[in-house]
Amino acid sequence: MNMLLRRVRQGKNSTLSELYCNGIFQCYVLEDRIRDVKVKGRTCIPIGKYKLGINYWGDMNTRYKRDFPELHQGMVEIKNVPDFSMVYIHIGNTHADTSGCLLVGRYFHKNRESGDYEVYQSAQAYKELYRAIIGNVKKGMVTLHIEQAFVSKS
């Protein structure tokens, strides 16, 4: 299974993307700002190709197991991201929720006051994406391609 994260817009501290699974639009994704120099917990993932895997440890895994007992089989983790660790796909709405991870949502909005993008209906988008990919992720058969469709002003 191939996933494509196509970055389409940048806010003051946020980056908005479209996520495609095998060429079909799945949801919107919110990340931190694109930066030339990494700032811990405040920088998006570098452009490139990454394998997805499962992480069974940590507080977030425990919380998702409690919140989604019928669904959760471990956190979907983006593996081998340079200078990053424990990079997950998860629920959230604003760049403050990302900590360098990918937040998913069904729709987006640009907050005029902050100048940043936000994603909404995140839990629904997460459940739909999780169901669509978890079997292949557990088999080690998912690659995430990250590309940028605009010129960064970082």
C-alpha atoms as a PDB file:
ATOM      1  CA  MET A   1       0.000   0.000   0.000  1.00  0.00           C
ATOM      2  CA  ASN A   2       1.287   3.447  -0.912  1.00  0.00           C
ATOM      3  CA  MET A   3       0.334   6.592   0.930  1.00  0.00           C
ATOM      4  CA  LEU A   4       1.063  10.080  -0.358  1.00  0.00           C
ATOM      5  CA  LEU A   5       1.171  13.107   1.923  1.00  0.00           C
ATOM      6  CA  ARG A   6       0.984  16.131  -0.374  1.00  0.00           C
ATOM      7  CA  ARG A   7       1.697  19.414   1.406  1.00  0.00           C
ATOM      8  CA  VAL A   8      -0.513  22.100  -0.096  1.00  0.00           C
ATOM      9  CA  ARG A   9      -0.524  25.152   2.220  1.00  0.00           C
ATOM     10  CA  GLN A  10       1.466  26.727   5.001  1.00  0.00           C
ATOM     11  CA  GLY A  11       0.205  28.870   7.849  1.00  0.00           C
ATOM     12  CA  LYS A  12       2.238  30.879  10.324  1.00  0.00           C
ATOM     13  CA  ASN A  13       3.129  27.788  12.415  1.00  0.00           C
ATOM     14  CA  SER A  14       1.293  25.024  10.557  1.00  0.00           C
ATOM     15  CA  THR A  15       1.407  23.000   7.347  1.00  0.00           C
ATOM     16  CA  LEU A  16      -1.730  21.599   5.705  1.00  0.00           C
ATOM     17  CA  SER A  17      -1.604  18.480   3.532  1.00  0.00           C
ATOM     18  CA  GLU A  18      -3.826  16.085   1.657  1.00  0.00           C
ATOM     19  CA  LEU A  19      -3.384  12.361   2.353  1.00  0.00           C
ATOM     20  CA  TYR A  20      -3.972   9.777  -0.384  1.00  0.00           C
ATOM     21  CA  CYS A  21      -4.080   5.988   0.029  1.00  0.00           C
ATOM     22  CA  ASN A  22      -3.337   4.143  -3.217  1.00  0.00           C
ATOM     23  CA  GLY A  23      -4.209   7.317  -5.140  1.00  0.00           C
ATOM     24  CA  ILE A  24      -7.549   7.963  -3.407  1.00  0.00           C
ATOM     25  CA  PHE A  25      -8.034  11.017  -1.165  1.00  0.00           C
ATOM     26  CA  GLN A  26      -8.364   9.883   2.459  1.00  0.00           C
ATOM     27  CA  CYS A  27      -8.254  13.008   4.646  1.00  0.00           C
ATOM     28  CA  TYR A  28      -6.472  16.259   5.461  1.00  0.00           C
ATOM     29  CA  VAL A  29      -3.337  16.298   7.613  1.00  0.00           C
ATOM     30  CA  LEU A  30      -1.932  19.012   9.827  1.00  0.00           C
ATOM     31  CA  GLU A  31       1.731  19.278  10.781  1.00  0.00           C
ATOM     32  CA  ASP A  32       3.983  21.845  12.343  1.00  0.00           C
ATOM     33  CA  ARG A  33       5.690  24.475  10.227  1.00  0.00           C
ATOM     34  CA  ILE A  34       8.328  23.653   7.623  1.00  0.00           C
ATOM     35  CA  ARG A  35      11.698  24.771   8.986  1.00  0.00           C
ATOM     36  CA  ASP A  36      15.212  24.670   7.568  1.00  0.00           C
ATOM     37  CA  VAL A  37      16.569  23.836  11.028  1.00  0.00           C
ATOM     38  CA  LYS A  38      14.666  21.357  13.199  1.00  0.00           C
ATOM     39  CA  VAL A  39      13.066  22.660  16.388  1.00  0.00           C
ATOM     40  CA  LYS A  40      12.094  19.767  18.685  1.00  0.00           C
ATOM     41  CA  GLY A  41       8.332  19.199  18.668  1.00  0.00           C
ATOM     42  CA  ARG A  42       7.733  22.161  16.333  1.00  0.00           C
ATOM     43  CA  THR A  43       8.961  21.053  12.906  1.00  0.00           C
ATOM     44  CA  CYS A  44       7.280  18.959  10.228  1.00  0.00           C
ATOM     45  CA  ILE A  45       8.732  15.699   8.924  1.00  0.00           C
ATOM     46  CA  PRO A  46      11.319  16.087   6.136  1.00  0.00           C
ATOM     47  CA  ILE A  47      10.253  15.313   2.560  1.00  0.00           C
ATOM     48  CA  GLY A  48      11.004  11.679   1.703  1.00  0.00           C
ATOM     49  CA  LYS A  49       9.786   8.080   1.869  1.00  0.00           C
ATOM     50  CA  TYR A  50       9.086   6.327   5.167  1.00  0.00           C
ATOM     51  CA  LYS A  51       7.845   2.911   6.244  1.00  0.00           C
ATOM     52  CA  LEU A  52       4.936   2.768   8.665  1.00  0.00           C
ATOM     53  CA  GLY A  53       5.033   0.413  11.624  1.00  0.00           C
ATOM     54  CA  ILE A  54       3.274  -0.232  14.920  1.00  0.00           C
ATOM     55  CA  ASN A  55       4.361   1.076  18.321  1.00  0.00           C
ATOM     56  CA  TYR A  56       2.848  -0.767  21.293  1.00  0.00           C
ATOM     57  CA  TRP A  57       4.410   1.336  24.077  1.00  0.00           C
ATOM     58  CA  GLY A  58       3.858   4.680  25.735  1.00  0.00           C
ATOM     59  CA  ASP A  59       1.137   6.883  27.147  1.00  0.00           C
ATOM     60  CA  MET A  60      -0.533   7.598  23.820  1.00  0.00           C
ATOM     61  CA  ASN A  61      -0.851   3.882  23.065  1.00  0.00           C
ATOM     62  CA  THR A  62      -2.463   3.304  26.483  1.00  0.00           C
ATOM     63  CA  ARG A  63      -4.879   6.205  25.981  1.00  0.00           C
ATOM     64  CA  TYR A  64      -5.931   5.100  22.474  1.00  0.00           C
ATOM     65  CA  LYS A  65      -6.401   1.521  23.686  1.00  0.00           C
ATOM     66  CA  ARG A  66      -8.763   2.873  26.350  1.00  0.00           C
ATOM     67  CA  ASP A  67     -10.569   5.334  24.024  1.00  0.00           C
ATOM     68  CA  PHE A  68     -10.883   2.977  21.021  1.00  0.00           C
ATOM     69  CA  PRO A  69     -10.911  -0.562  22.510  1.00  0.00           C
ATOM     70  CA  GLU A  70     -12.678  -2.120  19.510  1.00  0.00           C
ATOM     71  CA  LEU A  71     -10.253  -0.543  17.031  1.00  0.00           C
ATOM     72  CA  HIS A  72      -6.821   0.062  18.539  1.00  0.00           C
ATOM     73  CA  GLN A  73      -4.014  -2.410  17.764  1.00  0.00           C
ATOM     74  CA  GLY A  74      -1.067  -0.092  18.462  1.00  0.00           C
ATOM     75  CA  MET A  75      -0.049   3.402  17.358  1.00  0.00           C
ATOM     76  CA  VAL A  76       0.783   3.821  13.679  1.00  0.00           C
ATOM     77  CA  GLU A  77       4.345   5.127  13.720  1.00  0.00           C
ATOM     78  CA  ILE A  78       6.334   6.742  10.910  1.00  0.00           C
ATOM     79  CA  LYS A  79       9.674   4.955  11.113  1.00  0.00           C
ATOM     80  CA  ASN A  80      13.252   6.184  10.642  1.00  0.00           C
ATOM     81  CA  VAL A  81      12.524   9.904  10.394  1.00  0.00           C
ATOM     82  CA  PRO A  82      15.903  11.678  10.704  1.00  0.00           C
ATOM     83  CA  ASP A  83      16.271  13.516  14.043  1.00  0.00           C
ATOM     84  CA  PHE A  84      12.741  12.497  15.121  1.00  0.00           C
ATOM     85  CA  SER A  85      11.412   9.669  17.275  1.00  0.00           C
ATOM     86  CA  MET A  86       7.956   8.325  18.098  1.00  0.00           C
ATOM     87  CA  VAL A  87       6.282  10.113  15.158  1.00  0.00           C
ATOM     88  CA  TYR A  88       2.658   8.998  15.054  1.00  0.00           C
ATOM     89  CA  ILE A  89      -0.509   9.544  13.076  1.00  0.00           C
ATOM     90  CA  HIS A  90      -3.069  10.691  15.621  1.00  0.00           C
ATOM     91  CA  ILE A  91      -5.988  12.911  16.615  1.00  0.00           C
ATOM     92  CA  GLY A  92      -5.761  16.669  17.151  1.00  0.00           C
ATOM     93  CA  ASN A  93      -6.889  19.991  15.751  1.00  0.00           C
ATOM     94  CA  THR A  94      -4.104  22.592  15.850  1.00  0.00           C
ATOM     95  CA  HIS A  95      -0.332  22.748  15.394  1.00  0.00           C
ATOM     96  CA  ALA A  96      -0.075  22.885  19.209  1.00  0.00           C
ATOM     97  CA  ASP A  97      -1.368  19.271  19.248  1.00  0.00           C
ATOM     98  CA  THR A  98       1.206  17.869  16.805  1.00  0.00           C
ATOM     99  CA  SER A  99       4.593  17.646  18.589  1.00  0.00           C
ATOM    100  CA  GLY A 100       6.070  16.749  15.197  1.00  0.00           C
ATOM    101  CA  CYS A 101       3.379  14.149  14.410  1.00  0.00           C
ATOM    102  CA  LEU A 102       0.632  14.005  11.778  1.00  0.00           C
ATOM    103  CA  LEU A 103      -2.890  15.048  12.797  1.00  0.00           C
ATOM    104  CA  VAL A 104      -5.756  13.902  10.595  1.00  0.00           C
ATOM    105  CA  GLY A 105      -9.110  15.577   9.925  1.00  0.00           C
ATOM    106  CA  ARG A 106     -12.076  15.452   7.590  1.00  0.00           C
ATOM    107  CA  TYR A 107     -12.000  19.160   6.856  1.00  0.00           C
ATOM    108  CA  PHE A 108      -9.825  22.201   7.537  1.00  0.00           C
ATOM    109  CA  HIS A 109     -10.097  25.886   8.334  1.00  0.00           C
ATOM    110  CA  LYS A 110      -7.597  28.737   8.440  1.00  0.00           C
ATOM    111  CA  ASN A 111      -7.857  30.675  11.683  1.00  0.00           C
ATOM    112  CA  ARG A 112      -7.696  34.358  10.735  1.00  0.00           C
ATOM    113  CA  GLU A 113      -6.454  35.466  14.147  1.00  0.00           C
ATOM    114  CA  SER A 114      -3.533  33.042  14.380  1.00  0.00           C
ATOM    115  CA  GLY A 115      -2.836  32.685  10.653  1.00  0.00           C
ATOM    116  CA  ASP A 116      -2.745  28.896  11.102  1.00  0.00           C
ATOM    117  CA  TYR A 117      -4.622  25.979   9.653  1.00  0.00           C
ATOM    118  CA  GLU A 118      -6.685  23.654  11.840  1.00  0.00           C
ATOM    119  CA  VAL A 119      -8.259  20.262  11.084  1.00  0.00           C
ATOM    120  CA  TYR A 120     -11.626  19.076  12.384  1.00  0.00           C
ATOM    121  CA  GLN A 121     -13.588  15.856  12.834  1.00  0.00           C
ATOM    122  CA  SER A 122     -10.226  14.377  13.675  1.00  0.00           C
ATOM    123  CA  ALA A 123     -11.468  11.317  15.580  1.00  0.00           C
ATOM    124  CA  GLN A 124     -13.700  10.277  12.679  1.00  0.00           C
ATOM    125  CA  ALA A 125     -10.885  10.767  10.146  1.00  0.00           C
ATOM    126  CA  TYR A 126      -8.492   8.830  12.384  1.00  0.00           C
ATOM    127  CA  LYS A 127     -10.825   5.853  12.740  1.00  0.00           C
ATOM    128  CA  GLU A 128     -11.473   5.711   8.982  1.00  0.00           C
ATOM    129  CA  LEU A 129      -7.757   5.920   8.148  1.00  0.00           C
ATOM    130  CA  TYR A 130      -6.784   3.421  10.856  1.00  0.00           C
ATOM    131  CA  ARG A 131      -9.288   0.845   9.591  1.00  0.00           C
ATOM    132  CA  ALA A 132      -8.066   1.369   6.016  1.00  0.00           C
ATOM    133  CA  ILE A 133      -4.364   0.847   6.751  1.00  0.00           C
ATOM    134  CA  ILE A 134      -3.841  -1.136   9.971  1.00  0.00           C
ATOM    135  CA  GLY A 135      -3.756  -4.590   8.341  1.00  0.00           C
ATOM    136  CA  ASN A 136      -1.087  -3.553   5.852  1.00  0.00           C
ATOM    137  CA  VAL A 137       0.868  -1.569   8.458  1.00  0.00           C
ATOM    138  CA  LYS A 138       1.050  -4.648  10.705  1.00  0.00           C
ATOM    139  CA  LYS A 139       2.475  -6.608   7.758  1.00  0.00           C
ATOM    140  CA  GLY A 140       5.078  -3.885   7.084  1.00  0.00           C
ATOM    141  CA  MET A 141       3.552  -3.179   3.688  1.00  0.00           C
ATOM    142  CA  VAL A 142       2.902   0.588   3.850  1.00  0.00           C
ATOM    143  CA  THR A 143       5.187   3.317   2.553  1.00  0.00           C
ATOM    144  CA  LEU A 144       4.436   6.988   3.157  1.00  0.00           C
ATOM    145  CA  HIS A 145       5.738   9.407   0.522  1.00  0.00           C
ATOM    146  CA  ILE A 146       5.921  13.039   1.635  1.00  0.00           C
ATOM    147  CA  GLU A 147       6.072  15.713  -1.049  1.00  0.00           C
ATOM    148  CA  GLN A 148       5.596  19.457  -1.133  1.00  0.00           C
ATOM    149  CA  ALA A 149       3.289  21.116  -3.686  1.00  0.00           C
ATOM    150  CA  PHE A 150       4.229  24.730  -2.845  1.00  0.00           C
ATOM    151  CA  VAL A 151       7.323  26.835  -2.249  1.00  0.00           C
ATOM    152  CA  SER A 152       8.114  27.151   1.458  1.00  0.00           C
ATOM    153  CA  LYS A 153       8.696  30.575   2.996  1.00  0.00           C
ATOM    154  CA  SER A 154      10.711  29.244   5.954  1.00  0.00           C
END
